[in-house]
Protein backbone atom coordinates (compact mmCIF):
# COMPACT_ATOMS: atom_id res chain seq x y z
CA UNK A 1 34.89 -35.88 -7.15
CA UNK A 2 35.90 -37.29 -3.78
CA UNK A 3 33.48 -37.50 -0.83
CA UNK A 4 34.96 -37.52 2.66
CA UNK A 5 32.66 -36.82 5.62
CA UNK A 6 30.90 -33.49 5.17
CA UNK A 7 33.32 -32.22 2.55
CA UNK A 8 33.17 -32.68 -1.17
CA UNK A 9 36.38 -32.03 -2.99
CA UNK A 10 35.88 -30.89 -6.56
CA UNK A 11 38.78 -29.72 -8.72
CA UNK A 12 40.96 -29.71 -5.63
CA UNK A 13 38.88 -27.11 -3.74
CA UNK A 14 36.91 -28.35 -0.69
CA UNK A 15 33.46 -27.04 0.22
CA UNK A 16 31.05 -28.09 2.94
CA UNK A 17 27.68 -29.70 2.33
CA UNK A 18 24.91 -30.70 4.65
CA UNK A 19 23.21 -34.10 4.63
CA UNK A 20 19.83 -32.42 3.90
CA UNK A 21 20.97 -31.62 0.37
CA UNK A 22 21.10 -35.30 -0.51
CA UNK A 23 17.58 -36.09 0.79
CA UNK A 24 14.53 -36.17 -1.45
CA UNK A 25 11.96 -33.42 -0.95
CA UNK A 26 8.29 -34.18 -0.53
CA UNK A 27 5.92 -32.32 -2.79
CA UNK A 28 2.46 -31.63 -1.40
CA UNK A 29 -0.38 -31.55 -3.89
CA UNK A 30 -3.55 -29.58 -3.20
CA UNK A 31 -6.92 -31.02 -4.05
CA UNK A 32 -9.00 -29.23 -6.65
CA UNK A 33 -11.44 -28.12 -3.92
CA UNK A 34 -8.60 -26.53 -1.93
CA UNK A 35 -7.27 -24.77 -5.05
CA UNK A 36 -10.77 -23.47 -5.83
CA UNK A 37 -11.15 -22.15 -2.27
CA UNK A 38 -7.80 -20.35 -2.47
CA UNK A 39 -8.77 -18.86 -5.86
CA UNK A 40 -12.11 -17.68 -4.42
CA UNK A 41 -10.18 -15.95 -1.63
CA UNK A 42 -7.98 -14.17 -4.19
CA UNK A 43 -11.05 -13.11 -6.19
CA UNK A 44 -12.80 -11.79 -3.08
CA UNK A 45 -9.78 -9.72 -2.01
CA UNK A 46 -9.22 -8.38 -5.53
CA UNK A 47 -12.87 -7.36 -5.89
CA UNK A 48 -12.63 -5.49 -2.58
CA UNK A 49 -10.07 -3.28 -4.30
CA UNK A 50 -6.79 -4.74 -3.06
CA UNK A 51 -3.88 -4.82 -5.49
CA UNK A 52 -1.97 -7.97 -6.44
CA UNK A 53 0.90 -6.81 -4.19
CA UNK A 54 -1.49 -6.32 -1.25
CA UNK A 55 -2.99 -9.78 -1.73
CA UNK A 56 0.52 -11.23 -2.03
CA UNK A 57 1.53 -9.65 1.29
CA UNK A 58 -1.62 -10.93 3.03
CA UNK A 59 -1.55 -14.48 1.70
CA UNK A 60 2.17 -15.10 1.24
CA UNK A 61 1.61 -16.23 -2.37
CA UNK A 62 3.51 -14.84 -5.35
CA UNK A 63 1.85 -12.13 -7.44
CA UNK A 64 2.10 -14.30 -10.56
CA UNK A 65 0.29 -17.12 -8.75
CA UNK A 66 -2.47 -14.70 -7.75
CA UNK A 67 -2.66 -13.21 -11.26
CA UNK A 68 -2.96 -16.69 -12.80
CA UNK A 69 -5.70 -17.70 -10.36
CA UNK A 70 -7.64 -14.50 -11.10
CA UNK A 71 -7.36 -14.97 -14.85
CA UNK A 72 -8.44 -18.64 -14.59
CA UNK A 73 -11.46 -17.45 -12.57
CA UNK A 74 -12.44 -15.12 -15.42
CA UNK A 75 -11.63 -11.88 -13.56
CA UNK A 76 -10.59 -8.96 -15.76
CA UNK A 77 -7.51 -7.35 -14.23
CA UNK A 78 -7.43 -3.61 -13.59
CA UNK A 79 -5.06 -1.48 -15.65
CA UNK A 80 -1.79 -0.97 -13.79
CA UNK A 81 -1.06 2.64 -14.63
CA UNK A 82 -1.23 5.89 -12.75
CA UNK A 83 -4.19 8.18 -13.17
CA UNK A 84 -4.02 11.96 -12.99
CA UNK A 85 -4.61 13.07 -9.41
CA UNK A 86 -7.93 14.73 -10.23
CA UNK A 87 -9.31 11.47 -11.70
CA UNK A 88 -7.74 9.17 -9.11
CA UNK A 89 -9.36 11.02 -6.22
CA UNK A 90 -12.80 10.28 -7.66
CA UNK A 91 -12.18 6.53 -7.52
CA UNK A 92 -13.01 4.80 -4.27
CA UNK A 93 -10.62 1.89 -4.81
CA UNK A 94 -6.85 1.78 -4.58
CA UNK A 95 -4.79 3.29 -7.39
CA UNK A 96 -1.05 3.77 -7.88
CA UNK A 97 -0.92 7.20 -6.23
CA UNK A 98 -1.22 8.14 -2.58
CA UNK A 99 -4.39 9.91 -1.52
CA UNK A 100 -4.25 13.50 -0.27
CA UNK A 101 -2.71 14.38 3.09
CA UNK A 102 -4.88 13.14 5.95
CA UNK A 103 -6.12 10.07 4.07
CA UNK A 104 -4.74 6.60 3.35
CA UNK A 105 -5.77 3.25 1.88
CA UNK A 106 -7.26 0.61 4.15
CA UNK A 107 -8.45 -2.64 2.57
CA UNK A 108 -8.50 -0.93 -0.81
CA UNK A 109 -10.66 2.03 0.28
CA UNK A 110 -9.67 5.65 0.99
CA UNK A 111 -10.17 6.36 4.69
CA UNK A 112 -8.89 9.01 7.16
CA UNK A 113 -5.27 8.28 8.10
CA UNK A 114 -5.01 7.86 11.89
CA UNK A 115 -1.52 9.46 11.88
CA UNK A 116 -2.40 12.52 9.77
CA UNK A 117 -6.11 13.18 10.17
CA UNK A 118 -5.83 15.19 13.42
CA UNK A 119 -3.13 17.33 11.77
CA UNK A 120 -5.46 17.95 8.82
CA UNK A 121 -8.12 19.14 11.29
CA UNK A 122 -5.58 21.47 12.92
CA UNK A 123 -4.55 22.92 9.55
CA UNK A 124 -8.20 23.54 8.67
CA UNK A 125 -8.95 25.20 12.04
CA UNK A 126 -5.90 27.47 11.74
CA UNK A 127 -6.79 28.39 8.15
CA UNK A 128 -10.43 29.15 9.07
CA UNK A 129 -9.24 31.38 11.94
CA UNK A 130 -7.30 33.52 9.43
CA UNK A 131 -3.76 32.23 10.01
CA UNK A 132 -1.55 32.54 6.93
CA UNK A 133 0.21 29.47 5.41
CA UNK A 134 3.66 30.51 6.65
CA UNK A 135 2.40 30.77 10.23
CA UNK A 136 0.58 27.41 9.93
CA UNK A 137 3.82 25.76 8.71
CA UNK A 138 5.75 27.34 11.60
CA UNK A 139 3.13 26.13 14.10
CA UNK A 140 3.28 22.55 12.80
CA UNK A 141 7.10 22.59 12.85
CA UNK A 142 7.13 24.03 16.40
CA UNK A 143 4.85 21.20 17.55
CA UNK A 144 7.19 18.72 15.79
CA UNK A 145 4.36 17.36 13.67
CA UNK A 146 5.98 15.39 10.84
CA UNK A 147 5.23 16.28 7.23
CA UNK A 148 4.36 13.36 4.95
CA UNK A 149 7.31 13.48 2.56
CA UNK A 150 9.56 16.33 3.66
CA UNK A 151 11.73 16.93 6.71
CA UNK A 152 9.67 19.98 7.75
CA UNK A 153 6.47 21.75 6.79
CA UNK A 154 6.70 24.57 4.26
CA UNK A 155 4.35 27.18 2.87
CA UNK A 156 3.72 25.32 -0.41
CA UNK A 157 2.52 22.11 1.26
CA UNK A 158 0.10 24.12 3.43
CA UNK A 159 -1.16 26.06 0.38
CA UNK A 160 -1.81 22.77 -1.45
CA UNK A 161 -3.87 21.46 1.46
CA UNK A 162 -5.81 24.75 1.72
CA UNK A 163 -6.49 24.69 -2.03
CA UNK A 164 -8.08 21.25 -1.64
CA UNK A 165 -10.47 22.72 0.93
CA UNK A 166 -11.23 25.71 -1.30
CA UNK A 167 -11.78 23.55 -4.41
CA UNK A 168 -14.04 21.22 -2.40
CA UNK A 169 -11.80 18.19 -3.04
CA UNK A 170 -11.91 17.66 0.72
CA UNK A 171 -15.42 18.29 2.04
CA UNK A 172 -16.96 18.24 5.49
CA UNK A 173 -19.82 15.76 5.90
CA UNK A 174 -21.25 15.87 9.38
CA UNK A 175 -18.27 16.00 11.72
CA UNK A 176 -15.87 14.23 9.31
CA UNK A 177 -13.78 15.28 6.33
CA UNK A 178 -14.13 13.19 3.19
CA UNK A 179 -12.57 13.16 -0.25
CA UNK A 180 -14.95 14.13 -3.01
């Protein structure tokens, strides 16, 4: 190996290096009190219902680091598998499936989605006034209201939402809709 300036020639092929590569890195150690405080933060967020991925996004720490800290703190981890929709809706903490249209997760809890909730109210008003699902879908498409996971609204997605009202999965409490 021959070193000349910022090039290292190895086996006859030059490649560039930077001087930072040859400098020693400093490793910062945390005190046990700081590690305990960080672990307490992980435990608090996890007990609020946030997933390991959510905590990782908020804190910038790896999921395995968070998992290890939770296990060392004696926290039993939740099962990471999907529940059937009927069971998942009954849980108030975050699961692997999305909540029904008009609702979303916020800090691990199911709350009205600010982007979809007004549309849910419109669908309910149109349905209560006797409008059929095809006409409701046409109205939403004419107003350019985006569907959650399709390019346009269709009859089946409206029927699914109406069925949730009929089966009392979405109930009216006061002036707000809530998942049951």
